[in-house]
Amino acid sequence: MNENFEQARRIVQELKAGGHEAFFAGGCVRDYLLGVDPKDYDIATSAKPDQVEGLFSNTIGVGKQFGVIIVCRKGRSFDVATFRADGNYGDGRRPDQISFSSAKEDVLRRDLTINGLLMDPESMEVVDYVGGKDDLEAGIIRTIGDPLLRFGEDHLRILRALRFACRFGFQIESETKGAIQRLADKAANPSAERTFAELDRMLTERAPHHALELMDSLGVLPVVLPEVAKIWGEVLEDRLNPKPNTALTYRDRTKLIFARLGGSISSALAWSILLGDLGFTSPVVRGKRAAQVLKGLRAANGLIKKCQFLVTHRDRLLFACRISQGRQRLLLAHPDLELIHAFTSCQCGASNPAAVMERNFPQDGVPLPCPHLNGKDLMALGVPKGRIMGRVLKKLRFLQLQGRILDREQAITWVRGTF
């Protein structure tokens, strides 16, 4: 076992020494039983939040109103949650009120049977009130109790159920699947940030093509990604088809790329694949539309910029008969050159081989030379500040990278001849 396990086990020991029940709970137990090394260890206990704070010297009470105290140990953080029962969920996200309860009642409020397991980290004995072990062995995703009630309490559970089904390759139990279909329109209710987090994990974990297929078949895709669903069945042009003269839809090509990649991939690569064809229009417009989708999901600015760049430049990277020397040098100096290679490679495999231009870009980045002139130099030469100066600097840089302006003197001569 790793250091995370050891520190979490010691927290459980100290809670027990203080006269309280304590167990590992949820995902860490599930992953342990599946033979997967848990990333995090959550602890459930009979100790009240004030008692937890009294037992440990370094705590954070950020979730105290819901009975959760974060215990910090050796640079690591562990959620320690008091056994609780939840009241009504008025906002489809959080309970309106909670009451502290027993271990069994705490499990019965949780979402899925496979996430409702407890374990004593000293004896490694698993406590199962909901049949979670049987569902793990059978490969089944099932809610704890009435699925309509579970999904109605917290609408994000719809996406969580789909994500776990895809992550582990499990089947969704029939009543649970039926509830997802009935409540699919509720999947848009969680905050954009929470929705993005679930979608991002679906797209970057084990089987993003299966996740998209499930969301589509159960009516969730048009709710959480309407821009994608709108063109999901449209037929693409032949150059994007590895088997030209046959009908290939946006759905087919996207799932083909994800299936071929296999395993976990980066967020930038995944979202660029998914949002690469939002409308049969110019690459610049497609890039902007991809960025708009991600902005609506409150994705990080860095991710948005990477995806917009890849979507905008995809056609040039794949199909342009010639990429100018200047653009080649800019690409080779790009900080995400490895990502560009990965994106281009997977796009090539799902395109018409006769249409794709062969590129021999180096795998390692090539640094750019310093610009010949800067803003102060241009001001001294009479170029006004603002957009004009920006355009001049950009043009100078491009001419330099093209090899058409070789030194500072030539750059000055060009500016004087232009203004």
Protein backbone atom coordinates (compact mmCIF):
# COMPACT_ATOMS: atom_id res chain seq x y z
CA MET A 1 0.00 0.00 0.00
CA ASN A 2 1.14 3.56 -0.67
CA GLU A 3 1.66 6.51 1.66
CA ASN A 4 -1.85 7.85 1.00
CA PHE A 5 -3.31 4.59 2.29
CA GLU A 6 -1.06 4.61 5.33
CA GLN A 7 -1.98 8.15 6.36
CA ALA A 8 -5.69 7.49 5.81
CA ARG A 9 -5.43 4.28 7.86
CA ARG A 10 -3.85 6.20 10.73
CA ILE A 11 -6.70 8.71 10.69
CA VAL A 12 -9.17 5.83 11.00
CA GLN A 13 -7.11 4.38 13.88
CA GLU A 14 -7.15 7.69 15.74
CA LEU A 15 -10.89 8.06 15.25
CA LYS A 16 -11.42 4.57 16.64
CA ALA A 17 -9.10 5.28 19.55
CA GLY A 18 -11.32 8.27 20.32
CA GLY A 19 -14.30 5.94 20.65
CA HIS A 20 -15.83 6.43 17.18
CA GLU A 21 -16.71 4.18 14.27
CA ALA A 22 -14.65 4.88 11.16
CA PHE A 23 -14.29 3.33 7.70
CA PHE A 24 -12.87 3.99 4.28
CA ALA A 25 -15.87 4.87 2.12
CA GLY A 26 -16.96 5.14 -1.51
CA GLY A 27 -14.63 5.20 -4.46
CA CYS A 28 -11.47 4.09 -2.68
CA VAL A 29 -13.18 0.86 -1.57
CA ARG A 30 -14.58 0.30 -5.05
CA ASP A 31 -11.19 0.81 -6.66
CA TYR A 32 -9.44 -1.44 -4.14
CA LEU A 33 -11.86 -4.28 -4.91
CA LEU A 34 -11.27 -3.73 -8.64
CA GLY A 35 -7.52 -3.93 -8.16
CA VAL A 36 -7.02 -0.25 -8.95
CA ASP A 37 -4.79 1.94 -6.78
CA PRO A 38 -7.15 4.60 -5.32
CA LYS A 39 -6.20 8.22 -5.95
CA ASP A 40 -8.00 9.49 -2.85
CA TYR A 41 -9.19 8.00 0.41
CA ASP A 42 -12.45 9.27 1.90
CA ILE A 43 -13.33 8.41 5.48
CA ALA A 44 -16.81 8.06 7.00
CA THR A 45 -17.20 8.19 10.77
CA SER A 46 -19.65 8.45 13.63
CA ALA A 47 -17.61 11.35 15.02
CA LYS A 48 -19.31 14.74 14.77
CA PRO A 49 -17.45 17.53 12.94
CA ASP A 50 -16.44 19.26 16.21
CA GLN A 51 -15.11 15.97 17.52
CA VAL A 52 -13.08 15.44 14.35
CA GLU A 53 -11.59 18.92 14.69
CA GLY A 54 -10.77 18.17 18.33
CA LEU A 55 -8.91 14.98 17.45
CA PHE A 56 -6.69 16.38 14.69
CA SER A 57 -4.47 19.44 14.77
CA ASN A 58 -4.54 20.41 11.08
CA THR A 59 -8.08 20.57 9.72
CA ILE A 60 -10.18 22.63 7.30
CA GLY A 61 -13.91 22.99 7.91
CA VAL A 62 -14.89 24.03 4.39
CA GLY A 63 -17.72 21.46 4.23
CA LYS A 64 -18.61 21.47 7.91
CA GLN A 65 -22.29 22.33 7.32
CA PHE A 66 -22.58 18.98 5.53
CA GLY A 67 -20.55 17.14 8.13
CA VAL A 68 -17.28 17.13 6.18
CA ILE A 69 -13.94 18.08 7.70
CA ILE A 70 -10.71 17.97 5.71
CA VAL A 71 -7.84 16.48 7.72
CA CYS A 72 -4.36 17.37 6.46
CA ARG A 73 -1.44 15.01 6.94
CA LYS A 74 2.07 15.34 5.47
CA GLY A 75 0.93 17.49 2.57
CA ARG A 76 -2.06 15.27 1.84
CA SER A 77 -5.76 16.00 2.38
CA PHE A 78 -8.44 13.52 3.46
CA ASP A 79 -12.19 14.12 3.61
CA VAL A 80 -13.59 12.92 6.93
CA ALA A 81 -17.39 12.91 6.78
CA THR A 82 -19.82 12.24 9.61
CA PHE A 83 -22.43 9.54 8.93
CA ARG A 84 -25.52 11.43 7.80
CA ALA A 85 -28.99 11.22 6.34
CA ASP A 86 -30.10 13.82 3.80
CA GLY A 87 -33.34 15.78 3.68
CA ASN A 88 -35.01 17.03 0.50
CA TYR A 89 -32.88 18.27 -2.39
CA GLY A 90 -34.66 21.50 -3.28
CA ASP A 91 -32.13 22.65 -5.87
CA GLY A 92 -31.32 19.30 -7.50
CA ARG A 93 -27.81 19.49 -6.15
CA ARG A 94 -27.50 19.68 -2.35
CA PRO A 95 -29.76 18.54 0.51
CA ASP A 96 -31.75 21.33 2.16
CA GLN A 97 -30.84 19.88 5.54
CA ILE A 98 -28.92 16.94 6.96
CA SER A 99 -29.05 14.91 10.17
CA PHE A 100 -26.28 12.82 11.62
CA SER A 101 -27.04 9.12 11.50
CA SER A 102 -25.64 5.60 11.36
CA ALA A 103 -23.22 3.98 8.92
CA LYS A 104 -26.07 2.15 7.15
CA GLU A 105 -28.18 5.30 6.75
CA ASP A 106 -25.14 7.12 5.41
CA VAL A 107 -24.67 4.47 2.73
CA LEU A 108 -28.35 4.49 1.76
CA ARG A 109 -28.20 8.18 0.80
CA ARG A 110 -25.38 7.64 -1.73
CA ASP A 111 -25.74 7.37 -5.51
CA LEU A 112 -24.59 3.98 -6.86
CA THR A 113 -24.22 0.60 -5.21
CA ILE A 114 -20.59 0.33 -6.31
CA ASN A 115 -19.92 3.63 -4.51
CA GLY A 116 -21.77 2.58 -1.34
CA LEU A 117 -19.17 0.27 0.15
CA LEU A 118 -17.33 0.70 3.47
CA MET A 119 -14.07 -0.94 4.51
CA ASP A 120 -12.12 -1.30 7.74
CA PRO A 121 -8.52 -0.52 6.66
CA GLU A 122 -7.08 -2.56 9.55
CA SER A 123 -8.90 -5.85 8.93
CA MET A 124 -9.64 -5.00 5.23
CA GLU A 125 -13.17 -6.27 5.88
CA VAL A 126 -15.78 -4.76 3.51
CA VAL A 127 -19.17 -3.69 4.86
CA ASP A 128 -21.85 -3.90 2.16
CA TYR A 129 -25.43 -2.81 2.88
CA VAL A 130 -26.52 -2.37 -0.75
CA GLY A 131 -25.13 -5.26 -2.82
CA GLY A 132 -22.26 -3.23 -4.18
CA LYS A 133 -19.81 -6.14 -4.17
CA ASP A 134 -22.18 -8.29 -6.24
CA ASP A 135 -22.67 -5.45 -8.74
CA LEU A 136 -18.92 -4.94 -9.00
CA GLU A 137 -18.42 -8.64 -9.73
CA ALA A 138 -21.27 -8.66 -12.26
CA GLY A 139 -20.19 -5.37 -13.89
CA ILE A 140 -23.46 -3.53 -13.23
CA ILE A 141 -24.22 0.14 -12.62
CA ARG A 142 -27.25 0.41 -10.32
CA THR A 143 -28.54 3.19 -8.11
CA ILE A 144 -29.04 2.69 -4.40
CA GLY A 145 -32.80 2.53 -4.03
CA ASP A 146 -35.25 4.18 -6.45
CA PRO A 147 -33.27 5.52 -9.44
CA LEU A 148 -35.82 8.28 -10.12
CA LEU A 149 -35.35 9.49 -6.55
CA ARG A 150 -31.56 9.24 -6.66
CA PHE A 151 -31.25 11.13 -9.94
CA GLY A 152 -33.91 13.60 -8.89
CA GLU A 153 -31.96 14.50 -5.75
CA ASP A 154 -28.77 15.40 -7.57
CA HIS A 155 -29.04 15.70 -11.35
CA LEU A 156 -25.29 15.34 -11.81
CA ARG A 157 -25.70 11.68 -10.85
CA ILE A 158 -27.04 11.07 -14.36
CA LEU A 159 -23.66 11.91 -15.87
CA ARG A 160 -21.83 10.12 -13.06
CA ALA A 161 -23.70 6.89 -13.77
CA LEU A 162 -22.79 7.13 -17.45
CA ARG A 163 -19.18 7.94 -16.65
CA PHE A 164 -18.73 4.95 -14.35
CA ALA A 165 -20.38 2.65 -16.87
CA CYS A 166 -17.87 3.73 -19.52
CA ARG A 167 -14.89 3.90 -17.21
CA PHE A 168 -15.28 0.30 -16.05
CA GLY A 169 -17.04 -1.14 -19.09
CA PHE A 170 -20.11 -1.98 -16.99
CA GLN A 171 -23.72 -2.39 -18.10
CA ILE A 172 -26.37 -0.05 -16.72
CA GLU A 173 -29.17 -1.93 -14.94
CA SER A 174 -32.52 -1.62 -16.74
CA GLU A 175 -34.43 0.47 -14.16
CA THR A 176 -31.44 2.78 -13.75
CA LYS A 177 -31.17 3.18 -17.52
CA GLY A 178 -34.91 3.86 -17.79
CA ALA A 179 -34.65 6.57 -15.15
CA ILE A 180 -31.80 8.24 -17.05
CA GLN A 181 -33.96 8.33 -20.19
CA ARG A 182 -36.94 9.77 -18.31
CA LEU A 183 -34.86 12.43 -16.56
CA ALA A 184 -32.40 13.17 -19.37
CA ASP A 185 -33.54 16.80 -19.59
CA LYS A 186 -32.39 17.30 -15.98
CA ALA A 187 -28.78 16.63 -16.99
CA ALA A 188 -28.45 20.28 -18.00
CA ASN A 189 -29.38 21.54 -14.53
CA PRO A 190 -26.04 21.22 -12.69
CA SER A 191 -23.64 24.12 -12.93
CA ALA A 192 -21.53 24.40 -16.06
CA GLU A 193 -18.39 23.71 -14.04
CA ARG A 194 -19.75 20.44 -12.58
CA THR A 195 -21.08 19.35 -15.98
CA PHE A 196 -17.76 20.07 -17.65
CA ALA A 197 -15.85 18.10 -15.00
CA GLU A 198 -17.96 14.99 -15.65
CA LEU A 199 -17.86 15.32 -19.44
CA ASP A 200 -14.11 15.93 -19.37
CA ARG A 201 -13.52 12.75 -17.41
CA MET A 202 -15.77 10.79 -19.79
CA LEU A 203 -13.77 12.03 -22.77
CA THR A 204 -10.32 11.47 -21.28
CA GLU A 205 -10.78 8.14 -19.52
CA ARG A 206 -11.14 4.63 -20.87
CA ALA A 207 -13.87 4.74 -23.54
CA PRO A 208 -14.97 8.19 -24.75
CA HIS A 209 -16.60 6.67 -27.87
CA HIS A 210 -18.79 4.52 -25.62
CA ALA A 211 -19.64 7.54 -23.46
CA LEU A 212 -20.81 9.49 -26.51
CA GLU A 213 -22.83 6.52 -27.72
CA LEU A 214 -24.52 6.12 -24.33
CA MET A 215 -25.34 9.82 -24.02
CA ASP A 216 -26.76 9.78 -27.53
CA SER A 217 -28.89 6.66 -27.06
CA LEU A 218 -30.30 7.79 -23.69
CA GLY A 219 -31.15 11.34 -24.80
CA VAL A 220 -28.49 13.07 -22.72
CA LEU A 221 -26.23 14.34 -25.53
CA PRO A 222 -28.68 16.98 -26.88
CA VAL A 223 -29.08 18.28 -23.34
CA VAL A 224 -25.45 18.68 -22.30
CA LEU A 225 -23.83 19.19 -25.73
CA PRO A 226 -26.57 20.54 -28.04
CA GLU A 227 -24.04 21.96 -30.53
CA VAL A 228 -22.59 18.48 -31.03
CA ALA A 229 -25.96 16.72 -31.13
CA LYS A 230 -27.23 19.15 -33.77
CA ILE A 231 -24.76 17.90 -36.39
CA TRP A 232 -24.17 14.41 -34.96
CA GLY A 233 -25.80 12.65 -37.92
CA GLU A 234 -24.61 14.92 -40.74
CA VAL A 235 -22.49 13.40 -43.51
CA LEU A 236 -18.95 14.72 -43.82
CA GLU A 237 -17.00 15.54 -46.95
CA ASP A 238 -14.95 12.78 -48.59
CA ARG A 239 -11.54 14.12 -47.58
CA LEU A 240 -12.51 13.48 -43.94
CA ASN A 241 -13.48 9.91 -44.77
CA PRO A 242 -10.91 7.07 -44.62
CA LYS A 243 -13.22 5.20 -47.05
CA PRO A 244 -14.24 7.82 -49.62
CA ASN A 245 -17.47 7.55 -51.60
CA THR A 246 -19.22 6.03 -48.58
CA ALA A 247 -21.39 7.97 -46.14
CA LEU A 248 -19.48 8.95 -43.00
CA THR A 249 -21.22 11.04 -40.35
CA TYR A 250 -19.76 13.36 -37.76
CA ARG A 251 -20.80 10.72 -35.20
CA ASP A 252 -18.99 7.94 -37.06
CA ARG A 253 -15.75 9.83 -37.52
CA THR A 254 -15.61 11.13 -33.95
CA LYS A 255 -16.25 7.71 -32.46
CA LEU A 256 -13.73 6.16 -34.88
CA ILE A 257 -10.97 8.50 -33.73
CA PHE A 258 -11.69 7.98 -30.03
CA ALA A 259 -11.90 4.20 -30.43
CA ARG A 260 -8.53 4.10 -32.23
CA LEU A 261 -6.79 6.20 -29.59
CA GLY A 262 -7.76 3.97 -26.68
CA GLY A 263 -6.71 4.59 -23.09
CA SER A 264 -6.58 7.97 -21.39
CA ILE A 265 -5.85 11.11 -23.42
CA SER A 266 -5.41 14.79 -22.63
CA SER A 267 -8.36 17.15 -22.29
CA ALA A 268 -7.10 19.36 -25.12
CA LEU A 269 -6.84 16.43 -27.52
CA ALA A 270 -10.24 15.01 -26.54
CA TRP A 271 -12.20 18.26 -26.83
CA SER A 272 -10.46 19.21 -30.07
CA ILE A 273 -11.55 15.91 -31.61
CA LEU A 274 -15.12 16.29 -30.36
CA LEU A 275 -15.55 19.94 -31.39
CA GLY A 276 -13.58 19.82 -34.63
CA ASP A 277 -16.48 20.04 -37.10
CA LEU A 278 -19.10 22.37 -35.66
CA GLY A 279 -20.54 23.49 -38.96
CA PHE A 280 -19.34 23.19 -42.54
CA THR A 281 -17.74 26.58 -42.63
CA SER A 282 -14.29 28.14 -42.51
CA PRO A 283 -11.69 26.71 -40.11
CA VAL A 284 -11.54 30.05 -38.27
CA VAL A 285 -15.28 29.97 -37.61
CA ARG A 286 -15.13 26.33 -36.51
CA GLY A 287 -12.36 27.23 -34.08
CA LYS A 288 -14.45 30.06 -32.66
CA ARG A 289 -17.48 27.79 -32.28
CA ALA A 290 -15.40 25.20 -30.44
CA ALA A 291 -14.17 27.94 -28.11
CA GLN A 292 -17.74 29.14 -27.50
CA VAL A 293 -18.85 25.67 -26.44
CA LEU A 294 -15.99 25.41 -23.96
CA LYS A 295 -16.58 28.91 -22.64
CA GLY A 296 -20.20 27.98 -22.03
CA LEU A 297 -18.99 25.01 -19.99
CA ARG A 298 -16.66 27.31 -18.01
CA ALA A 299 -13.55 25.42 -19.14
CA ALA A 300 -10.13 26.85 -18.29
CA ASN A 301 -8.82 29.53 -20.64
CA GLY A 302 -5.68 27.53 -21.37
CA LEU A 303 -7.73 24.58 -22.59
CA ILE A 304 -9.96 26.83 -24.71
CA LYS A 305 -6.96 28.40 -26.45
CA LYS A 306 -5.38 25.02 -27.21
CA CYS A 307 -8.59 23.60 -28.66
CA GLN A 308 -9.31 26.69 -30.73
CA PHE A 309 -5.80 26.56 -32.17
CA LEU A 310 -6.04 22.87 -33.10
CA VAL A 311 -9.51 23.12 -34.64
CA THR A 312 -8.57 26.26 -36.58
CA HIS A 313 -5.38 24.75 -37.99
CA ARG A 314 -6.57 21.18 -38.59
CA ASP A 315 -7.34 21.54 -42.30
CA ARG A 316 -4.09 23.37 -42.99
CA LEU A 317 -2.09 20.70 -41.16
CA LEU A 318 -3.82 17.87 -43.02
CA PHE A 319 -4.76 19.11 -46.47
CA ALA A 320 -2.80 22.22 -47.43
CA CYS A 321 -0.60 21.51 -50.45
CA ARG A 322 2.03 23.82 -49.03
CA ILE A 323 2.67 25.31 -45.61
CA SER A 324 4.84 28.39 -45.83
CA GLN A 325 8.25 28.44 -44.19
CA GLY A 326 7.08 31.08 -41.72
CA ARG A 327 4.10 29.04 -40.55
CA GLN A 328 6.25 25.93 -40.31
CA ARG A 329 8.70 27.73 -38.05
CA LEU A 330 5.86 29.03 -35.87
CA LEU A 331 4.48 25.51 -35.54
CA LEU A 332 7.85 24.02 -34.69
CA ALA A 333 8.35 26.60 -31.94
CA HIS A 334 4.87 26.08 -30.52
CA PRO A 335 4.89 25.11 -26.81
CA ASP A 336 2.34 22.36 -27.51
CA LEU A 337 4.17 20.72 -30.40
CA GLU A 338 3.64 17.25 -28.93
CA LEU A 339 -0.11 17.92 -28.75
CA ILE A 340 -0.11 19.15 -32.36
CA HIS A 341 1.60 15.94 -33.47
CA ALA A 342 -0.89 13.79 -31.53
CA PHE A 343 -3.88 15.68 -32.93
CA THR A 344 -2.58 15.58 -36.50
CA SER A 345 -1.77 11.88 -36.26
CA CYS A 346 -5.23 10.83 -35.07
CA GLN A 347 -6.90 13.06 -37.67
CA CYS A 348 -4.80 11.53 -40.45
CA GLY A 349 -5.97 8.05 -39.50
CA ALA A 350 -9.61 9.06 -39.88
CA SER A 351 -9.24 10.95 -43.17
CA ASN A 352 -8.93 10.05 -46.83
CA PRO A 353 -5.28 9.02 -47.27
CA ALA A 354 -5.24 10.48 -50.79
CA ALA A 355 -6.24 13.90 -49.47
CA VAL A 356 -3.81 14.09 -46.53
CA MET A 357 -0.51 15.83 -47.23
CA GLU A 358 2.57 14.12 -45.86
CA ARG A 359 4.44 16.28 -43.36
CA ASN A 360 7.94 15.76 -42.04
CA PHE A 361 7.91 18.12 -39.09
CA PRO A 362 10.54 17.33 -36.42
CA GLN A 363 9.20 15.89 -33.16
CA ASP A 364 11.23 18.31 -31.05
CA GLY A 365 10.51 22.01 -30.90
CA VAL A 366 12.76 24.50 -32.69
CA PRO A 367 13.28 27.86 -30.93
CA LEU A 368 12.46 31.03 -32.84
CA PRO A 369 15.02 33.79 -33.44
CA CYS A 370 14.58 37.09 -31.62
CA PRO A 371 12.55 39.72 -33.55
CA HIS A 372 14.64 42.25 -35.43
CA LEU A 373 12.59 45.21 -34.16
CA ASN A 374 10.34 45.94 -31.18
CA GLY A 375 7.68 48.53 -30.36
CA LYS A 376 10.18 51.19 -29.31
CA ASP A 377 12.04 50.79 -32.57
CA LEU A 378 8.82 51.25 -34.54
CA MET A 379 7.88 54.38 -32.54
CA ALA A 380 11.28 55.85 -33.38
CA LEU A 381 10.55 55.13 -37.03
CA GLY A 382 7.22 56.97 -36.84
CA VAL A 383 4.82 54.04 -36.59
CA PRO A 384 1.83 54.99 -34.42
CA LYS A 385 0.84 52.90 -31.41
CA GLY A 386 -2.19 50.63 -31.43
CA ARG A 387 -3.50 48.31 -34.13
CA ILE A 388 -1.22 49.64 -36.84
CA MET A 389 1.89 48.93 -34.78
CA GLY A 390 0.60 45.46 -33.94
CA ARG A 391 0.03 44.68 -37.60
CA VAL A 392 3.48 45.95 -38.56
CA LEU A 393 5.15 43.86 -35.86
CA LYS A 394 3.22 40.78 -36.98
CA LYS A 395 4.11 41.34 -40.65
CA LEU A 396 7.76 41.94 -39.82
CA ARG A 397 7.87 38.76 -37.80
CA PHE A 398 6.31 36.73 -40.59
CA LEU A 399 8.71 38.12 -43.20
CA GLN A 400 11.61 37.32 -40.87
CA LEU A 401 10.46 33.73 -40.39
CA GLN A 402 9.92 33.42 -44.15
CA GLY A 403 13.56 34.36 -44.64
CA ARG A 404 12.66 37.49 -46.60
CA ILE A 405 14.04 39.91 -43.98
CA LEU A 406 17.40 38.72 -42.71
CA ASP A 407 18.61 41.38 -40.27
CA ARG A 408 17.77 44.57 -38.40
CA GLU A 409 18.90 46.86 -41.21
CA GLN A 410 16.59 45.17 -43.72
CA ALA A 411 13.73 45.43 -41.23
CA ILE A 412 14.30 49.19 -40.81
CA THR A 413 14.46 49.64 -44.57
CA TRP A 414 11.15 47.74 -44.97
CA VAL A 415 9.41 49.89 -42.33
CA ARG A 416 10.69 53.14 -43.89
CA GLY A 417 9.49 51.98 -47.26
CA THR A 418 6.06 51.16 -45.88
CA PHE A 419 5.50 54.36 -43.84
